[in-house]
Amino acid sequence: MRIGKEKVSRIPLAPVMLAFSLTAGSLALAPSAYALSELHKIPGQPNDQPAQGNAQGQSQPQGTTTPGVPMADPLVNSQTSQGVDKTPGTQDNSKPVEVIYDISKAPEPVRKMRQQIVEAAASGDLERLRPLMGAGAEQTQVTVGEPTDDPIGTLKDLSGDPDGDEILAIMLDIVSTGFVHVGQGTAEDMYVWPYFAEKDLKSLTPPERVELLRIVTAGDLSDMQEFGGYNFYRLGITPDGKWKFFTAGD
């Protein structure tokens, strides 16, 4: 009978021990899971990284920045002076420059002088330009700055060949383009070839770009756009038919 009592008393202990074991195992696993997350922290991550989620909702004091994060520049900086675009025509808020292709719209003295220049240049003889250039204060300007005593000699020196043929060819190309009438009613009243000298090169249409590339190279055009305007040869004739200049520069 004693043996039977022992058996009876032992039977209920099995589920109790099992429940106790499961409870103890659960309690032991909880710290282990937490420790595992600690082992997998990203190297270099701050120890208080999980707390950042709570801090994100807090606004930072005005005038402070987050360390290591550069602030974006303002779209408009009123304290910085902007560069002035000196491209011809861009500073003039008046109507755009009118390009003229019909030479009959120019005064008769202008048409006559242009035709004489064309004929002299086409002849291949630089000396044929001399009678058209005048003398003294009325002499055609061929250099920027101080006038020269011998404009023909200067043009020959500027040419890429000893006879001045290159300059004559350039001259023909220049007067074959459209032109503009500038300075109306002033002492600078003038008909100027090519019209690019008075036009914003940034606003050229595709046909105008092609026309300009008949005079200069693509590299020249790129340099001009960087410079801010046309700076190759230009030719000017006054309304009374005086050949005022044939110069290169701005």
Protein backbone atom coordinates (compact mmCIF):
# COMPACT_ATOMS: atom_id res chain seq x y z
CA MET A 1 0.00 0.00 0.00
CA ARG A 2 2.88 2.27 0.64
CA ILE A 3 4.14 1.68 -2.79
CA GLY A 4 0.79 2.59 -4.27
CA LYS A 5 0.69 5.86 -2.38
CA GLU A 6 4.08 6.79 -3.73
CA LYS A 7 2.97 6.11 -7.23
CA VAL A 8 -0.13 8.19 -6.82
CA SER A 9 1.80 11.11 -5.36
CA ARG A 10 4.39 11.08 -8.12
CA ILE A 11 1.95 11.13 -11.04
CA PRO A 12 0.76 14.77 -10.62
CA LEU A 13 4.34 16.01 -10.29
CA ALA A 14 5.15 15.39 -13.95
CA PRO A 15 2.95 18.14 -15.43
CA VAL A 16 4.00 20.47 -12.65
CA MET A 17 7.65 19.95 -13.41
CA LEU A 18 7.00 20.39 -17.12
CA ALA A 19 5.18 23.67 -16.59
CA PHE A 20 7.94 24.88 -14.32
CA SER A 21 10.56 24.00 -16.90
CA LEU A 22 8.73 25.87 -19.66
CA THR A 23 8.28 28.94 -17.51
CA ALA A 24 11.93 28.99 -16.55
CA GLY A 25 12.97 28.55 -20.17
CA SER A 26 10.83 31.49 -21.26
CA LEU A 27 12.34 33.68 -18.61
CA ALA A 28 15.83 32.65 -19.68
CA LEU A 29 15.20 33.32 -23.37
CA ALA A 30 14.03 36.91 -22.93
CA PRO A 31 17.40 38.30 -21.81
CA SER A 32 19.11 36.24 -24.50
CA ALA A 33 17.02 37.87 -27.27
CA TYR A 34 17.87 41.31 -25.95
CA ALA A 35 21.54 40.42 -25.78
CA LEU A 36 21.46 39.20 -29.39
CA SER A 37 20.16 42.56 -30.59
CA GLU A 38 22.97 44.23 -28.74
CA LEU A 39 25.56 42.08 -30.51
CA HIS A 40 24.23 43.07 -33.95
CA LYS A 41 24.60 46.82 -33.58
CA ILE A 42 26.14 48.54 -36.58
CA PRO A 43 29.77 49.50 -35.94
CA GLY A 44 30.08 53.20 -35.23
CA GLN A 45 26.37 53.58 -34.39
CA PRO A 46 25.74 55.61 -31.23
CA ASN A 47 24.60 53.64 -28.22
CA ASP A 48 21.49 55.78 -27.93
CA GLN A 49 20.43 55.25 -31.55
CA PRO A 50 16.97 53.81 -30.65
CA ALA A 51 16.20 57.01 -28.77
CA GLN A 52 16.51 59.09 -31.93
CA GLY A 53 12.99 58.14 -33.00
CA ASN A 54 11.66 59.97 -29.96
CA ALA A 55 13.92 62.97 -30.54
CA GLN A 56 12.85 63.44 -34.14
CA GLY A 57 9.56 64.94 -33.14
CA GLN A 58 11.30 67.62 -31.07
CA SER A 59 12.09 70.84 -32.95
CA GLN A 60 15.68 72.01 -32.76
CA PRO A 61 16.48 75.48 -31.49
CA GLN A 62 16.33 78.11 -34.20
CA GLY A 63 19.67 78.88 -35.81
CA THR A 64 21.21 75.48 -35.04
CA THR A 65 22.03 72.76 -37.55
CA THR A 66 22.44 69.03 -37.35
CA PRO A 67 26.16 68.16 -37.07
CA GLY A 68 27.59 66.69 -40.26
CA VAL A 69 24.65 67.71 -42.49
CA PRO A 70 25.39 70.72 -44.75
CA MET A 71 22.67 73.32 -45.09
CA ALA A 72 21.26 73.98 -48.58
CA ASP A 73 22.23 77.29 -50.16
CA PRO A 74 19.40 79.81 -50.63
CA LEU A 75 17.94 80.04 -54.11
CA VAL A 76 18.50 83.79 -54.15
CA ASN A 77 21.41 85.35 -52.30
CA SER A 78 20.65 89.02 -51.97
CA GLN A 79 24.04 89.65 -50.40
CA THR A 80 25.97 88.43 -53.43
CA SER A 81 26.30 90.82 -56.35
CA GLN A 82 25.31 89.18 -59.61
CA GLY A 83 27.58 89.33 -62.65
CA VAL A 84 26.49 91.75 -65.32
CA ASP A 85 25.93 90.27 -68.75
CA LYS A 86 27.73 92.58 -71.13
CA THR A 87 26.59 90.82 -74.26
CA PRO A 88 25.69 93.47 -76.89
CA GLY A 89 22.01 94.18 -76.79
CA THR A 90 21.28 92.42 -73.47
CA GLN A 91 21.42 95.62 -71.44
CA ASP A 92 19.07 97.44 -73.79
CA ASN A 93 15.46 96.99 -72.81
CA SER A 94 14.24 98.68 -75.98
CA LYS A 95 13.02 96.82 -79.05
CA PRO A 96 15.34 94.12 -80.49
CA VAL A 97 17.91 95.03 -83.12
CA GLU A 98 16.42 95.05 -86.61
CA VAL A 99 18.53 92.98 -89.00
CA ILE A 100 18.53 94.27 -92.58
CA TYR A 101 19.35 92.14 -95.60
CA ASP A 102 17.98 94.38 -98.32
CA ILE A 103 20.80 96.81 -99.17
CA SER A 104 18.31 99.04 -100.98
CA LYS A 105 17.01 100.09 -97.57
CA ALA A 106 20.32 101.81 -96.83
CA PRO A 107 20.98 105.37 -98.06
CA GLU A 108 22.54 105.70 -101.51
CA PRO A 109 25.95 106.87 -100.17
CA VAL A 110 26.11 103.76 -97.97
CA ARG A 111 25.21 101.47 -100.85
CA LYS A 112 27.84 103.09 -103.06
CA MET A 113 30.66 102.78 -100.51
CA ARG A 114 29.78 99.17 -99.78
CA GLN A 115 29.85 98.32 -103.47
CA GLN A 116 33.25 99.95 -103.88
CA ILE A 117 34.60 97.96 -100.94
CA VAL A 118 33.23 94.73 -102.44
CA GLU A 119 34.84 95.42 -105.81
CA ALA A 120 38.21 96.35 -104.30
CA ALA A 121 38.29 93.31 -102.02
CA ALA A 122 37.24 90.94 -104.81
CA SER A 123 40.09 92.22 -106.99
CA GLY A 124 42.70 90.69 -104.67
CA ASP A 125 44.62 93.99 -104.62
CA LEU A 126 44.77 95.45 -101.13
CA GLU A 127 45.93 98.82 -102.48
CA ARG A 128 42.58 99.36 -104.16
CA LEU A 129 41.13 99.98 -100.72
CA ARG A 130 43.41 102.93 -100.02
CA PRO A 131 41.40 105.60 -101.91
CA LEU A 132 38.29 104.54 -100.00
CA MET A 133 39.85 105.06 -96.59
CA GLY A 134 40.30 108.81 -96.60
CA ALA A 135 43.07 110.58 -94.69
CA GLY A 136 43.73 112.44 -91.46
CA ALA A 137 40.84 112.59 -89.01
CA GLU A 138 38.54 111.05 -91.61
CA GLN A 139 40.76 108.01 -92.18
CA THR A 140 39.19 104.58 -91.78
CA GLN A 141 40.04 103.05 -88.43
CA VAL A 142 41.64 99.60 -88.75
CA THR A 143 42.93 99.15 -85.21
CA VAL A 144 41.30 99.56 -81.81
CA GLY A 145 42.91 102.49 -80.03
CA GLU A 146 45.43 104.83 -81.63
CA PRO A 147 45.04 105.35 -85.40
CA THR A 148 47.74 104.10 -87.73
CA ASP A 149 49.58 106.14 -90.34
CA ASP A 150 49.36 103.34 -92.89
CA PRO A 151 46.04 101.46 -92.71
CA ILE A 152 46.85 99.31 -95.74
CA GLY A 153 50.17 98.23 -94.25
CA THR A 154 48.40 97.44 -90.98
CA LEU A 155 45.79 95.29 -92.73
CA LYS A 156 48.55 93.43 -94.54
CA ASP A 157 50.29 92.76 -91.22
CA LEU A 158 47.03 91.46 -89.74
CA SER A 159 46.50 89.06 -92.61
CA GLY A 160 47.63 85.47 -92.40
CA ASP A 161 49.43 85.76 -95.73
CA PRO A 162 52.00 88.29 -96.98
CA ASP A 163 49.72 89.80 -99.63
CA GLY A 164 46.68 90.49 -97.48
CA ASP A 165 44.39 88.08 -99.32
CA GLU A 166 42.99 86.66 -96.10
CA ILE A 167 41.89 90.09 -94.91
CA LEU A 168 40.22 90.77 -98.24
CA ALA A 169 38.36 87.47 -98.03
CA ILE A 170 37.20 88.26 -94.50
CA MET A 171 36.05 91.68 -95.63
CA LEU A 172 33.94 90.14 -98.39
CA ASP A 173 32.38 87.69 -95.96
CA ILE A 174 31.57 90.48 -93.51
CA VAL A 175 29.74 92.73 -96.00
CA SER A 176 27.85 89.73 -97.40
CA THR A 177 25.87 89.28 -94.17
CA GLY A 178 22.89 91.18 -92.85
CA PHE A 179 23.55 94.57 -91.26
CA VAL A 180 22.07 96.91 -88.66
CA HIS A 181 21.46 100.64 -88.38
CA VAL A 182 22.63 101.90 -85.00
CA GLY A 183 22.89 105.27 -83.25
CA GLN A 184 20.12 106.93 -85.25
CA GLY A 185 20.03 110.66 -84.59
CA THR A 186 23.38 110.70 -82.79
CA ALA A 187 27.01 111.30 -83.72
CA GLU A 188 27.41 107.51 -83.81
CA ASP A 189 24.80 107.03 -86.55
CA MET A 190 26.17 104.08 -88.50
CA TYR A 191 25.41 101.08 -90.70
CA VAL A 192 27.30 98.10 -89.28
CA TRP A 193 28.22 94.72 -90.76
CA PRO A 194 27.76 92.00 -89.61
CA TYR A 195 24.67 92.39 -87.49
CA PHE A 196 26.18 89.97 -84.96
CA ALA A 197 28.20 92.90 -83.64
CA GLU A 198 24.99 94.33 -82.17
CA LYS A 199 23.11 91.15 -81.36
CA ASP A 200 22.97 88.91 -78.30
CA LEU A 201 24.70 85.71 -79.40
CA LYS A 202 22.65 83.74 -76.88
CA SER A 203 19.48 84.51 -78.82
CA LEU A 204 20.68 83.37 -82.24
CA THR A 205 18.32 81.18 -84.23
CA PRO A 206 19.71 78.06 -85.96
CA PRO A 207 19.90 79.84 -89.37
CA GLU A 208 21.69 82.78 -87.73
CA ARG A 209 24.21 80.43 -86.13
CA VAL A 210 24.91 78.90 -89.53
CA GLU A 211 25.36 82.37 -90.99
CA LEU A 212 27.80 83.31 -88.24
CA LEU A 213 29.75 80.07 -88.74
CA ARG A 214 30.39 81.17 -92.32
CA ILE A 215 32.57 83.89 -90.80
CA VAL A 216 34.07 82.23 -87.72
CA THR A 217 34.78 78.69 -86.57
CA ALA A 218 32.75 76.76 -84.01
CA GLY A 219 35.60 77.26 -81.55
CA ASP A 220 35.50 81.01 -82.17
CA LEU A 221 31.76 81.04 -81.53
CA SER A 222 32.19 79.18 -78.27
CA ASP A 223 34.85 81.69 -77.18
CA MET A 224 32.58 84.59 -78.12
CA GLN A 225 29.72 83.22 -76.07
CA GLU A 226 32.06 82.89 -73.11
CA PHE A 227 33.45 86.37 -73.75
CA GLY A 228 29.96 87.84 -73.91
CA GLY A 229 29.64 89.04 -77.50
CA TYR A 230 30.88 89.10 -81.06
CA ASN A 231 34.54 90.14 -81.20
CA PHE A 232 35.63 89.39 -84.76
CA TYR A 233 35.89 91.91 -87.62
CA ARG A 234 33.14 94.45 -88.19
CA LEU A 235 32.74 97.22 -90.74
CA GLY A 236 30.93 100.54 -90.36
CA ILE A 237 29.78 103.13 -92.88
CA THR A 238 28.20 106.45 -91.93
CA PRO A 239 24.92 107.57 -93.56
CA ASP A 240 26.87 110.04 -95.73
CA GLY A 241 29.02 107.26 -97.16
CA LYS A 242 32.25 107.49 -95.13
CA TRP A 243 33.99 104.21 -94.35
CA LYS A 244 34.36 104.66 -90.61
CA PHE A 245 36.08 101.45 -89.44
CA PHE A 246 37.10 97.89 -90.15
CA THR A 247 38.27 96.50 -86.83
CA ALA A 248 38.26 93.38 -84.70
CA GLY A 249 37.45 93.37 -81.00
CA ASP A 250 34.60 94.23 -78.69
